[in-house]
Amino acid sequence: MANPFEAIDARLSNIESLLIDIKHGGKSLAAQTMPTHGRVMTLPELVAYSDMAASSIYKLTAAGEIPHGKRGKKLYFDREAIDAWLLERPAHTKSDTEREVNQFLVNAGSRRRVA
């Protein structure tokens, strides 16, 4: 089960960015929360696209752990690079784990016979 505090943090971060953009005469609410179909995404679009909190994305960009570009204070994200980054460490299924254990046991058994 997902951590409810992460979901709350994500929603609060999204609300915060929407309020800041409204204050500064930004785009409409619908335009800010819906990802575009283009290749490049802004931070609010990535938040909606990935369901990650804006604060988490900021931390990842500061640590250089997420592919991004920056113009002035604006962050930009390549959709294809983000897709690859999100999928670079897939979760193993139960059958994957069983297959790895069986392979390990086969290899361990063959080492014992040789020694």
PDB file of N, CA and C in Angstrom:
ATOM      1  N   MET A   1       0.845  -1.185   0.000  1.00  0.00           N
ATOM      2  CA  MET A   1       0.000   0.000   0.000  1.00  0.00           C
ATOM      3  C   MET A   1       0.886   1.242   0.000  1.00  0.00           C
ATOM      4  N   ALA A   2       0.537   2.215  -0.788  1.00  0.00           N
ATOM      5  CA  ALA A   2       1.312   3.447  -0.901  1.00  0.00           C
ATOM      6  C   ALA A   2       1.224   4.247   0.405  1.00  0.00           C
ATOM      7  N   ASN A   3       2.281   4.979   0.674  1.00  0.00           N
ATOM      8  CA  ASN A   3       2.329   5.822   1.862  1.00  0.00           C
ATOM      9  C   ASN A   3       1.350   6.985   1.672  1.00  0.00           C
ATOM     10  N   PRO A   4       0.345   7.120   2.554  1.00  0.00           N
ATOM     11  CA  PRO A   4      -0.642   8.195   2.373  1.00  0.00           C
ATOM     12  C   PRO A   4      -0.021   9.579   2.501  1.00  0.00           C
ATOM     13  N   PHE A   5       1.072   9.704   3.251  1.00  0.00           N
ATOM     14  CA  PHE A   5       1.713  11.006   3.405  1.00  0.00           C
ATOM     15  C   PHE A   5       2.379  11.450   2.098  1.00  0.00           C
ATOM     16  N   GLU A   6       2.875  10.507   1.295  1.00  0.00           N
ATOM     17  CA  GLU A   6       3.443  10.860  -0.004  1.00  0.00           C
ATOM     18  C   GLU A   6       2.356  11.384  -0.927  1.00  0.00           C
ATOM     19  N   ALA A   7       1.192  10.758  -0.889  1.00  0.00           N
ATOM     20  CA  ALA A   7       0.076  11.213  -1.722  1.00  0.00           C
ATOM     21  C   ALA A   7      -0.364  12.617  -1.296  1.00  0.00           C
ATOM     22  N   ILE A   8      -0.430  12.846  -0.001  1.00  0.00           N
ATOM     23  CA  ILE A   8      -0.810  14.173   0.511  1.00  0.00           C
ATOM     24  C   ILE A   8       0.236  15.195   0.109  1.00  0.00           C
ATOM     25  N   ASP A   9       1.531  14.831   0.229  1.00  0.00           N
ATOM     26  CA  ASP A   9       2.616  15.732  -0.136  1.00  0.00           C
ATOM     27  C   ASP A   9       2.547  16.080  -1.624  1.00  0.00           C
ATOM     28  N   ALA A  10       2.267  15.078  -2.459  1.00  0.00           N
ATOM     29  CA  ALA A  10       2.171  15.310  -3.905  1.00  0.00           C
ATOM     30  C   ALA A  10       1.040  16.268  -4.217  1.00  0.00           C
ATOM     31  N   ARG A  11      -0.095  16.046  -3.583  1.00  0.00           N
ATOM     32  CA  ARG A  11      -1.252  16.912  -3.859  1.00  0.00           C
ATOM     33  C   ARG A  11      -1.010  18.328  -3.356  1.00  0.00           C
ATOM     34  N   LEU A  12      -0.397  18.467  -2.186  1.00  0.00           N
ATOM     35  CA  LEU A  12      -0.098  19.804  -1.659  1.00  0.00           C
ATOM     36  C   LEU A  12       0.909  20.530  -2.540  1.00  0.00           C
ATOM     37  N   SER A  13       1.919  19.798  -3.023  1.00  0.00           N
ATOM     38  CA  SER A  13       2.911  20.410  -3.919  1.00  0.00           C
ATOM     39  C   SER A  13       2.257  20.884  -5.202  1.00  0.00           C
ATOM     40  N   ASN A  14       1.344  20.081  -5.727  1.00  0.00           N
ATOM     41  CA  ASN A  14       0.633  20.454  -6.941  1.00  0.00           C
ATOM     42  C   ASN A  14      -0.224  21.692  -6.698  1.00  0.00           C
ATOM     43  N   ILE A  15      -0.931  21.726  -5.586  1.00  0.00           N
ATOM     44  CA  ILE A  15      -1.764  22.886  -5.231  1.00  0.00           C
ATOM     45  C   ILE A  15      -0.886  24.128  -5.078  1.00  0.00           C
ATOM     46  N   GLU A  16       0.273  23.955  -4.429  1.00  0.00           N
ATOM     47  CA  GLU A  16       1.188  25.076  -4.228  1.00  0.00           C
ATOM     48  C   GLU A  16       1.648  25.649  -5.570  1.00  0.00           C
ATOM     49  N   SER A  17       2.072  24.769  -6.513  1.00  0.00           N
ATOM     50  CA  SER A  17       2.508  25.289  -7.803  1.00  0.00           C
ATOM     51  C   SER A  17       1.378  25.942  -8.563  1.00  0.00           C
ATOM     52  N   LEU A  18       0.170  25.401  -8.446  1.00  0.00           N
ATOM     53  CA  LEU A  18      -0.971  26.020  -9.115  1.00  0.00           C
ATOM     54  C   LEU A  18      -1.244  27.410  -8.555  1.00  0.00           C
ATOM     55  N   LEU A  19      -1.184  27.551  -7.240  1.00  0.00           N
ATOM     56  CA  LEU A  19      -1.427  28.859  -6.621  1.00  0.00           C
ATOM     57  C   LEU A  19      -0.357  29.879  -7.008  1.00  0.00           C
ATOM     58  N   ILE A  20       0.891  29.435  -7.073  1.00  0.00           N
ATOM     59  CA  ILE A  20       1.980  30.337  -7.467  1.00  0.00           C
ATOM     60  C   ILE A  20       1.773  30.810  -8.903  1.00  0.00           C
ATOM     61  N   ASP A  21       1.413  29.884  -9.791  1.00  0.00           N
ATOM     62  CA  ASP A  21       1.177  30.253 -11.186  1.00  0.00           C
ATOM     63  C   ASP A  21      -0.022  31.185 -11.320  1.00  0.00           C
ATOM     64  N   ILE A  22      -1.073  30.950 -10.540  1.00  0.00           N
ATOM     65  CA  ILE A  22      -2.257  31.829 -10.581  1.00  0.00           C
ATOM     66  C   ILE A  22      -1.862  33.230 -10.116  1.00  0.00           C
ATOM     67  N   LYS A  23      -1.070  33.281  -9.049  1.00  0.00           N
ATOM     68  CA  LYS A  23      -0.628  34.565  -8.504  1.00  0.00           C
ATOM     69  C   LYS A  23       0.164  35.361  -9.543  1.00  0.00           C
ATOM     70  N   HIS A  24       0.952  34.654 -10.346  1.00  0.00           N
ATOM     71  CA  HIS A  24       1.797  35.313 -11.340  1.00  0.00           C
ATOM     72  C   HIS A  24       1.174  35.330 -12.732  1.00  0.00           C
ATOM     73  N   GLY A  25      -0.147  35.095 -12.799  1.00  0.00           N
ATOM     74  CA  GLY A  25      -0.848  35.175 -14.075  1.00  0.00           C
ATOM     75  C   GLY A  25      -0.521  34.049 -15.025  1.00  0.00           C
ATOM     76  N   GLY A  26      -0.329  32.846 -14.481  1.00  0.00           N
ATOM     77  CA  GLY A  26       0.035  31.693 -15.299  1.00  0.00           C
ATOM     78  C   GLY A  26      -1.123  31.140 -16.097  1.00  0.00           C
ATOM     79  N   LYS A  27      -0.936  29.945 -16.617  1.00  0.00           N
ATOM     80  CA  LYS A  27      -1.926  29.262 -17.446  1.00  0.00           C
ATOM     81  C   LYS A  27      -3.172  28.923 -16.640  1.00  0.00           C
ATOM     82  N   SER A  28      -4.184  28.448 -17.345  1.00  0.00           N
ATOM     83  CA  SER A  28      -5.403  28.016 -16.667  1.00  0.00           C
ATOM     84  C   SER A  28      -5.124  26.750 -15.871  1.00  0.00           C
ATOM     85  N   LEU A  29      -5.968  26.448 -14.905  1.00  0.00           N
ATOM     86  CA  LEU A  29      -5.790  25.262 -14.079  1.00  0.00           C
ATOM     87  C   LEU A  29      -5.751  23.991 -14.915  1.00  0.00           C
ATOM     88  N   ALA A  30      -6.615  23.855 -15.890  1.00  0.00           N
ATOM     89  CA  ALA A  30      -6.657  22.645 -16.717  1.00  0.00           C
ATOM     90  C   ALA A  30      -5.360  22.496 -17.499  1.00  0.00           C
ATOM     91  N   ALA A  31      -4.834  23.579 -18.013  1.00  0.00           N
ATOM     92  CA  ALA A  31      -3.598  23.518 -18.797  1.00  0.00           C
ATOM     93  C   ALA A  31      -2.409  23.139 -17.923  1.00  0.00           C
ATOM     94  N   GLN A  32      -2.424  23.522 -16.645  1.00  0.00           N
ATOM     95  CA  GLN A  32      -1.303  23.232 -15.764  1.00  0.00           C
ATOM     96  C   GLN A  32      -1.302  21.791 -15.289  1.00  0.00           C
ATOM     97  N   THR A  33      -2.438  21.196 -15.091  1.00  0.00           N
ATOM     98  CA  THR A  33      -2.484  19.862 -14.509  1.00  0.00           C
ATOM     99  C   THR A  33      -2.495  18.758 -15.537  1.00  0.00           C
ATOM    100  N   MET A  34      -2.866  19.057 -16.785  1.00  0.00           N
ATOM    101  CA  MET A  34      -2.922  18.032 -17.818  1.00  0.00           C
ATOM    102  C   MET A  34      -1.615  18.021 -18.594  1.00  0.00           C
ATOM    103  N   PRO A  35      -0.938  16.855 -18.656  1.00  0.00           N
ATOM    104  CA  PRO A  35       0.295  16.795 -19.446  1.00  0.00           C
ATOM    105  C   PRO A  35       0.000  17.044 -20.918  1.00  0.00           C
ATOM    106  N   THR A  36       0.915  17.738 -21.569  1.00  0.00           N
ATOM    107  CA  THR A  36       0.754  17.960 -23.003  1.00  0.00           C
ATOM    108  C   THR A  36       1.192  16.704 -23.739  1.00  0.00           C
ATOM    109  N   HIS A  37       0.932  16.679 -25.028  1.00  0.00           N
ATOM    110  CA  HIS A  37       1.331  15.532 -25.819  1.00  0.00           C
ATOM    111  C   HIS A  37       2.692  15.748 -26.450  1.00  0.00           C
ATOM    112  N   GLY A  38       3.348  16.851 -26.122  1.00  0.00           N
ATOM    113  CA  GLY A  38       4.668  17.127 -26.666  1.00  0.00           C
ATOM    114  C   GLY A  38       5.737  16.292 -25.989  1.00  0.00           C
ATOM    115  N   ARG A  39       6.939  16.443 -26.474  1.00  0.00           N
ATOM    116  CA  ARG A  39       8.051  15.660 -25.943  1.00  0.00           C
ATOM    117  C   ARG A  39       8.581  16.243 -24.634  1.00  0.00           C
ATOM    118  N   VAL A  40       8.510  17.559 -24.478  1.00  0.00           N
ATOM    119  CA  VAL A  40       9.068  18.218 -23.300  1.00  0.00           C
ATOM    120  C   VAL A  40       7.962  18.532 -22.304  1.00  0.00           C
ATOM    121  N   MET A  41       8.233  18.231 -21.021  1.00  0.00           N
ATOM    122  CA  MET A  41       7.263  18.494 -19.954  1.00  0.00           C
ATOM    123  C   MET A  41       7.851  19.496 -18.968  1.00  0.00           C
ATOM    124  N   THR A  42       6.974  20.292 -18.384  1.00  0.00           N
ATOM    125  CA  THR A  42       7.360  21.180 -17.292  1.00  0.00           C
ATOM    126  C   THR A  42       7.175  20.422 -15.979  1.00  0.00           C
ATOM    127  N   LEU A  43       7.566  21.036 -14.874  1.00  0.00           N
ATOM    128  CA  LEU A  43       7.432  20.380 -13.572  1.00  0.00           C
ATOM    129  C   LEU A  43       5.980  20.009 -13.254  1.00  0.00           C
ATOM    130  N   PRO A  44       5.004  20.929 -13.401  1.00  0.00           N
ATOM    131  CA  PRO A  44       3.618  20.531 -13.102  1.00  0.00           C
ATOM    132  C   PRO A  44       3.133  19.381 -13.992  1.00  0.00           C
ATOM    133  N   GLU A  45       3.570  19.366 -15.244  1.00  0.00           N
ATOM    134  CA  GLU A  45       3.183  18.280 -16.139  1.00  0.00           C
ATOM    135  C   GLU A  45       3.805  16.960 -15.697  1.00  0.00           C
ATOM    136  N   LEU A  46       5.079  17.006 -15.253  1.00  0.00           N
ATOM    137  CA  LEU A  46       5.726  15.788 -14.775  1.00  0.00           C
ATOM    138  C   LEU A  46       5.079  15.289 -13.488  1.00  0.00           C
ATOM    139  N   VAL A  47       4.671  16.194 -12.613  1.00  0.00           N
ATOM    140  CA  VAL A  47       3.968  15.798 -11.388  1.00  0.00           C
ATOM    141  C   VAL A  47       2.697  15.031 -11.751  1.00  0.00           C
ATOM    142  N   ALA A  48       1.923  15.564 -12.699  1.00  0.00           N
ATOM    143  CA  ALA A  48       0.687  14.897 -13.121  1.00  0.00           C
ATOM    144  C   ALA A  48       0.990  13.591 -13.852  1.00  0.00           C
ATOM    145  N   TYR A  49       2.034  13.580 -14.669  1.00  0.00           N
ATOM    146  CA  TYR A  49       2.380  12.418 -15.486  1.00  0.00           C
ATOM    147  C   TYR A  49       2.898  11.259 -14.633  1.00  0.00           C
ATOM    148  N   SER A  50       3.748  11.573 -13.661  1.00  0.00           N
ATOM    149  CA  SER A  50       4.419  10.522 -12.885  1.00  0.00           C
ATOM    150  C   SER A  50       3.754  10.224 -11.551  1.00  0.00           C
ATOM    151  N   ASP A  51       2.868  11.103 -11.097  1.00  0.00           N
ATOM    152  CA  ASP A  51       2.237  10.981  -9.786  1.00  0.00           C
ATOM    153  C   ASP A  51       3.269  11.057  -8.666  1.00  0.00           C
ATOM    154  N   MET A  52       4.349  11.784  -8.916  1.00  0.00           N
ATOM    155  CA  MET A  52       5.370  12.030  -7.898  1.00  0.00           C
ATOM    156  C   MET A  52       5.165  13.437  -7.337  1.00  0.00           C
ATOM    157  N   ALA A  53       5.596  13.649  -6.120  1.00  0.00           N
ATOM    158  CA  ALA A  53       5.487  14.969  -5.505  1.00  0.00           C
ATOM    159  C   ALA A  53       6.509  15.917  -6.130  1.00  0.00           C
ATOM    160  N   ALA A  54       6.129  17.174  -6.281  1.00  0.00           N
ATOM    161  CA  ALA A  54       7.044  18.175  -6.821  1.00  0.00           C
ATOM    162  C   ALA A  54       8.295  18.272  -5.954  1.00  0.00           C
ATOM    163  N   SER A  55       8.138  18.170  -4.639  1.00  0.00           N
ATOM    164  CA  SER A  55       9.305  18.255  -3.755  1.00  0.00           C
ATOM    165  C   SER A  55      10.257  17.088  -3.990  1.00  0.00           C
ATOM    166  N   SER A  56       9.721  15.909  -4.276  1.00  0.00           N
ATOM    167  CA  SER A  56      10.572  14.751  -4.576  1.00  0.00           C
ATOM    168  C   SER A  56      11.322  14.970  -5.887  1.00  0.00           C
ATOM    169  N   ILE A  57      10.641  15.537  -6.868  1.00  0.00           N
ATOM    170  CA  ILE A  57      11.283  15.803  -8.151  1.00  0.00           C
ATOM    171  C   ILE A  57      12.388  16.842  -7.985  1.00  0.00           C
ATOM    172  N   TYR A  58      12.132  17.889  -7.183  1.00  0.00           N
ATOM    173  CA  TYR A  58      13.170  18.887  -6.917  1.00  0.00           C
ATOM    174  C   TYR A  58      14.397  18.234  -6.287  1.00  0.00           C
ATOM    175  N   LYS A  59      14.183  17.346  -5.320  1.00  0.00           N
ATOM    176  CA  LYS A  59      15.301  16.661  -4.664  1.00  0.00           C
ATOM    177  C   LYS A  59      16.080  15.815  -5.659  1.00  0.00           C
ATOM    178  N   LEU A  60      15.371  15.109  -6.540  1.00  0.00           N
ATOM    179  CA  LEU A  60      16.025  14.260  -7.531  1.00  0.00           C
ATOM    180  C   LEU A  60      16.827  15.084  -8.537  1.00  0.00           C
ATOM    181  N   THR A  61      16.302  16.253  -8.921  1.00  0.00           N
ATOM    182  CA  THR A  61      17.044  17.103  -9.860  1.00  0.00           C
ATOM    183  C   THR A  61      18.284  17.678  -9.179  1.00  0.00           C
ATOM    184  N   ALA A  62      18.158  18.090  -7.931  1.00  0.00           N
ATOM    185  CA  ALA A  62      19.305  18.639  -7.209  1.00  0.00           C
ATOM    186  C   ALA A  62      20.408  17.597  -7.038  1.00  0.00           C
ATOM    187  N   ALA A  63      20.013  16.339  -6.855  1.00  0.00           N
ATOM    188  CA  ALA A  63      20.982  15.257  -6.677  1.00  0.00           C
ATOM    189  C   ALA A  63      21.491  14.724  -8.020  1.00  0.00           C
ATOM    190  N   GLY A  64      20.919  15.216  -9.123  1.00  0.00           N
ATOM    191  CA  GLY A  64      21.321  14.749 -10.444  1.00  0.00           C
ATOM    192  C   GLY A  64      20.876  13.325 -10.730  1.00  0.00           C
ATOM    193  N   GLU A  65      19.782  12.901 -10.111  1.00  0.00           N
ATOM    194  CA  GLU A  65      19.313  11.526 -10.258  1.00  0.00           C
ATOM    195  C   GLU A  65      18.202  11.357 -11.279  1.00  0.00           C
ATOM    196  N   ILE A  66      17.665  12.458 -11.787  1.00  0.00           N
ATOM    197  CA  ILE A  66      16.583  12.380 -12.770  1.00  0.00           C
ATOM    198  C   ILE A  66      16.994  13.219 -13.977  1.00  0.00           C
ATOM    199  N   PRO A  67      16.795  12.707 -15.192  1.00  0.00           N
ATOM    200  CA  PRO A  67      17.197  13.487 -16.370  1.00  0.00           C
ATOM    201  C   PRO A  67      16.333  14.740 -16.521  1.00  0.00           C
ATOM    202  N   HIS A  68      16.988  15.872 -16.687  1.00  0.00           N
ATOM    203  CA  HIS A  68      16.253  17.135 -16.801  1.00  0.00           C
ATOM    204  C   HIS A  68      17.113  18.198 -17.467  1.00  0.00           C
ATOM    205  N   GLY A  69      16.470  19.262 -17.879  1.00  0.00           N
ATOM    206  CA  GLY A  69      17.139  20.441 -18.379  1.00  0.00           C
ATOM    207  C   GLY A  69      16.652  21.646 -17.595  1.00  0.00           C
ATOM    208  N   LYS A  70      17.405  22.735 -17.668  1.00  0.00           N
ATOM    209  CA  LYS A  70      17.023  23.916 -16.896  1.00  0.00           C
ATOM    210  C   LYS A  70      17.320  25.164 -17.711  1.00  0.00           C
ATOM    211  N   ARG A  71      16.335  26.045 -17.780  1.00  0.00           N
ATOM    212  CA  ARG A  71      16.487  27.362 -18.396  1.00  0.00           C
ATOM    213  C   ARG A  71      16.092  28.377 -17.344  1.00  0.00           C
ATOM    214  N   GLY A  72      17.057  29.123 -16.856  1.00  0.00           N
ATOM    215  CA  GLY A  72      16.770  30.046 -15.762  1.00  0.00           C
ATOM    216  C   GLY A  72      16.348  29.238 -14.540  1.00  0.00           C
ATOM    217  N   LYS A  73      15.163  29.530 -14.020  1.00  0.00           N
ATOM    218  CA  LYS A  73      14.648  28.794 -12.866  1.00  0.00           C
ATOM    219  C   LYS A  73      13.662  27.705 -13.264  1.00  0.00           C
ATOM    220  N   LYS A  74      13.374  27.562 -14.559  1.00  0.00           N
ATOM    221  CA  LYS A  74      12.403  26.566 -15.028  1.00  0.00           C
ATOM    222  C   LYS A  74      13.085  25.238 -15.311  1.00  0.00           C
ATOM    223  N   LEU A  75      12.443  24.154 -14.879  1.00  0.00           N
ATOM    224  CA  LEU A  75      12.923  22.797 -15.152  1.00  0.00           C
ATOM    225  C   LEU A  75      12.116  22.209 -16.294  1.00  0.00           C
ATOM    226  N   TYR A  76      12.798  21.445 -17.151  1.00  0.00           N
ATOM    227  CA  TYR A  76      12.160  20.774 -18.274  1.00  0.00           C
ATOM    228  C   TYR A  76      12.581  19.315 -18.292  1.00  0.00           C
ATOM    229  N   PHE A  77      11.663  18.454 -18.718  1.00  0.00           N
ATOM    230  CA  PHE A  77      11.891  17.016 -18.696  1.00  0.00           C
ATOM    231  C   PHE A  77      11.499  16.413 -20.036  1.00  0.00           C
ATOM    232  N   ASP A  78      12.382  15.598 -20.599  1.00  0.00           N
ATOM    233  CA  ASP A  78      12.119  14.890 -21.848  1.00  0.00           C
ATOM    234  C   ASP A  78      11.273  13.660 -21.522  1.00  0.00           C
ATOM    235  N   ARG A  79      10.108  13.559 -22.140  1.00  0.00           N
ATOM    236  CA  ARG A  79       9.169  12.472 -21.844  1.00  0.00           C
ATOM    237  C   ARG A  79       9.810  11.101 -22.052  1.00  0.00           C
ATOM    238  N   GLU A  80      10.556  10.911 -23.139  1.00  0.00           N
ATOM    239  CA  GLU A  80      11.183   9.617 -23.413  1.00  0.00           C
ATOM    240  C   GLU A  80      12.250   9.295 -22.370  1.00  0.00           C
ATOM    241  N   ALA A  81      13.038  10.288 -21.986  1.00  0.00           N
ATOM    242  CA  ALA A  81      14.075  10.071 -20.965  1.00  0.00           C
ATOM    243  C   ALA A  81      13.434   9.748 -19.615  1.00  0.00           C
ATOM    244  N   ILE A  82      12.329  10.404 -19.302  1.00  0.00           N
ATOM    245  CA  ILE A  82      11.622  10.127 -18.043  1.00  0.00           C
ATOM    246  C   ILE A  82      11.044   8.720 -18.069  1.00  0.00           C
ATOM    247  N   ASP A  83      10.443   8.321 -19.193  1.00  0.00           N
ATOM    248  CA  ASP A  83       9.906   6.958 -19.300  1.00  0.00           C
ATOM    249  C   ASP A  83      11.009   5.930 -19.058  1.00  0.00           C
ATOM    250  N   ALA A  84      12.165   6.133 -19.695  1.00  0.00           N
ATOM    251  CA  ALA A  84      13.287   5.202 -19.522  1.00  0.00           C
ATOM    252  C   ALA A  84      13.760   5.203 -18.071  1.00  0.00           C
ATOM    253  N   TRP A  85      13.834   6.395 -17.467  1.00  0.00           N
ATOM    254  CA  TRP A  85      14.281   6.501 -16.078  1.00  0.00           C
ATOM    255  C   TRP A  85      13.300   5.810 -15.132  1.00  0.00           C
ATOM    256  N   LEU A  86      12.002   6.008 -15.355  1.00  0.00           N
ATOM    257  CA  LEU A  86      10.994   5.392 -14.493  1.00  0.00           C
ATOM    258  C   LEU A  86      11.022   3.873 -14.578  1.00  0.00           C
ATOM    259  N   LEU A  87      11.385   3.333 -15.736  1.00  0.00           N
ATOM    260  CA  LEU A  87      11.352   1.887 -15.948  1.00  0.00           C
ATOM    261  C   LEU A  87      12.721   1.222 -15.834  1.00  0.00           C
ATOM    262  N   GLU A  88      13.750   1.965 -15.444  1.00  0.00           N
ATOM    263  CA  GLU A  88      15.094   1.386 -15.439  1.00  0.00           C
ATOM    264  C   GLU A  88      15.300   0.321 -14.358  1.00  0.00           C
ATOM    265  N   ARG A  89      14.527   0.347 -13.323  1.00  0.00           N
ATOM    266  CA  ARG A  89      14.641  -0.675 -12.277  1.00  0.00           C
ATOM    267  C   ARG A  89      13.285  -1.331 -12.057  1.00  0.00           C
ATOM    268  N   PRO A  90      12.919  -2.259 -12.958  1.00  0.00           N
ATOM    269  CA  PRO A  90      11.609  -2.895 -12.808  1.00  0.00           C
ATOM    270  C   PRO A  90      11.559  -3.800 -11.586  1.00  0.00           C
ATOM    271  N   ALA A  91      10.393  -3.900 -11.003  1.00  0.00           N
ATOM    272  CA  ALA A  91      10.205  -4.790  -9.854  1.00  0.00           C
ATOM    273  C   ALA A  91      10.195  -6.233 -10.353  1.00  0.00           C
ATOM    274  N   HIS A  92      10.822  -7.109  -9.588  1.00  0.00           N
ATOM    275  CA  HIS A  92      10.843  -8.524  -9.958  1.00  0.00           C
ATOM    276  C   HIS A  92       9.541  -9.187  -9.526  1.00  0.00           C
ATOM    277  N   THR A  93       9.052 -10.044 -10.398  1.00  0.00           N
ATOM    278  CA  THR A  93       7.858 -10.811 -10.061  1.00  0.00           C
ATOM    279  C   THR A  93       8.273 -12.018  -9.223  1.00  0.00           C
ATOM    280  N   LYS A  94       7.307 -12.672  -8.646  1.00  0.00           N
ATOM    281  CA  LYS A  94       7.569 -13.865  -7.850  1.00  0.00           C
ATOM    282  C   LYS A  94       8.252 -14.938  -8.705  1.00  0.00           C
ATOM    283  N   SER A  95       7.791 -15.101  -9.942  1.00  0.00           N
ATOM    284  CA  SER A  95       8.398 -16.109 -10.815  1.00  0.00           C
ATOM    285  C   SER A  95       9.840 -15.746 -11.167  1.00  0.00           C
ATOM    286  N   ASP A  96      10.161 -14.435 -11.312  1.00  0.00           N
ATOM    287  CA  ASP A  96      11.544 -14.019 -11.550  1.00  0.00           C
ATOM    288  C   ASP A  96      12.428 -14.418 -10.367  1.00  0.00           C
ATOM    289  N   THR A  97      11.943 -14.184  -9.170  1.00  0.00           N
ATOM    290  CA  THR A  97      12.699 -14.522  -7.968  1.00  0.00           C
ATOM    291  C   THR A  97      12.897 -16.026  -7.857  1.00  0.00           C
ATOM    292  N   GLU A  98      11.849 -16.792  -8.118  1.00  0.00           N
ATOM    293  CA  GLU A  98      11.967 -18.253  -8.064  1.00  0.00           C
ATOM    294  C   GLU A  98      12.971 -18.753  -9.093  1.00  0.00           C
ATOM    295  N   ARG A  99      12.958 -18.175 -10.291  1.00  0.00           N
ATOM    296  CA  ARG A  99      13.888 -18.565 -11.342  1.00  0.00           C
ATOM    297  C   ARG A  99      15.332 -18.264 -10.913  1.00  0.00           C
ATOM    298  N   GLU A 100      15.557 -17.092 -10.298  1.00  0.00           N
ATOM    299  CA  GLU A 100      16.898 -16.733  -9.823  1.00  0.00           C
ATOM    300  C   GLU A 100      17.365 -17.675  -8.721  1.00  0.00           C
ATOM    301  N   VAL A 101      16.482 -18.031  -7.797  1.00  0.00           N
ATOM    302  CA  VAL A 101      16.838 -18.956  -6.714  1.00  0.00           C
ATOM    303  C   VAL A 101      17.183 -20.317  -7.292  1.00  0.00           C
ATOM    304  N   ASN A 102      16.370 -20.815  -8.214  1.00  0.00           N
ATOM    305  CA  ASN A 102      16.642 -22.114  -8.831  1.00  0.00           C
ATOM    306  C   ASN A 102      17.978 -22.101  -9.569  1.00  0.00           C
ATOM    307  N   GLN A 103      18.262 -21.021 -10.289  1.00  0.00           N
ATOM    308  CA  GLN A 103      19.537 -20.924 -11.007  1.00  0.00           C
ATOM    309  C   GLN A 103      20.702 -20.887 -10.022  1.00  0.00           C
ATOM    310  N   PHE A 104      20.534 -20.177  -8.926  1.00  0.00           N
ATOM    311  CA  PHE A 104      21.574 -20.117  -7.903  1.00  0.00           C
ATOM    312  C   PHE A 104      21.832 -21.500  -7.319  1.00  0.00           C
ATOM    313  N   LEU A 105      20.760 -22.248  -7.028  1.00  0.00           N
ATOM    314  CA  LEU A 105      20.914 -23.590  -6.467  1.00  0.00           C
ATOM    315  C   LEU A 105      21.585 -24.540  -7.451  1.00  0.00           C
ATOM    316  N   VAL A 106      21.246 -24.422  -8.728  1.00  0.00           N
ATOM    317  CA  VAL A 106      21.884 -25.253  -9.746  1.00  0.00           C
ATOM    318  C   VAL A 106      23.375 -24.929  -9.818  1.00  0.00           C
ATOM    319  N   ASN A 107      23.708 -23.650  -9.837  1.00  0.00           N
ATOM    320  CA  ASN A 107      25.116 -23.239  -9.883  1.00  0.00           C
ATOM    321  C   ASN A 107      25.867 -23.661  -8.629  1.00  0.00           C
ATOM    322  N   ALA A 108      25.249 -23.521  -7.462  1.00  0.00           N
ATOM    323  CA  ALA A 108      25.888 -23.919  -6.207  1.00  0.00           C
ATOM    324  C   ALA A 108      26.121 -25.421  -6.173  1.00  0.00           C
ATOM    325  N   GLY A 109      25.156 -26.201  -6.676  1.00  0.00           N
ATOM    326  CA  GLY A 109      25.299 -27.662  -6.728  1.00  0.00           C
ATOM    327  C   GLY A 109      26.405 -28.096  -7.656  1.00  0.00           C
ATOM    328  N   SER A 110      26.552 -27.435  -8.785  1.00  0.00           N
ATOM    329  CA  SER A 110      27.609 -27.810  -9.730  1.00  0.00           C
ATOM    330  C   SER A 110      28.984 -27.428  -9.192  1.00  0.00           C
ATOM    331  N   ARG A 111      29.090 -26.385  -8.392  1.00  0.00           N
ATOM    332  CA  ARG A 111      30.371 -26.019  -7.786  1.00  0.00           C
ATOM    333  C   ARG A 111      30.815 -27.037  -6.750  1.00  0.00           C
ATOM    334  N   ARG A 112      29.853 -27.576  -6.019  1.00  0.00           N
ATOM    335  CA  ARG A 112      30.188 -28.579  -4.988  1.00  0.00           C
ATOM    336  C   ARG A 112      30.732 -29.860  -5.622  1.00  0.00           C
ATOM    337  N   ARG A 113      30.137 -30.263  -6.730  1.00  0.00           N
ATOM    338  CA  ARG A 113      30.569 -31.501  -7.381  1.00  0.00           C
ATOM    339  C   ARG A 113      31.971 -31.372  -7.944  1.00  0.00           C
ATOM    340  N   VAL A 114      32.319 -30.172  -8.434  1.00  0.00           N
ATOM    341  CA  VAL A 114      33.639 -29.951  -9.027  1.00  0.00           C
ATOM    342  C   VAL A 114      34.704 -29.928  -7.949  1.00  0.00           C
ATOM    343  N   ALA A 115      34.421 -29.363  -6.810  1.00  0.00           N
ATOM    344  CA  ALA A 115      35.415 -29.175  -5.757  1.00  0.00           C
ATOM    345  C   ALA A 115      35.812 -30.456  -5.062  1.00  0.00           C
TER     346      ALA A 115
END
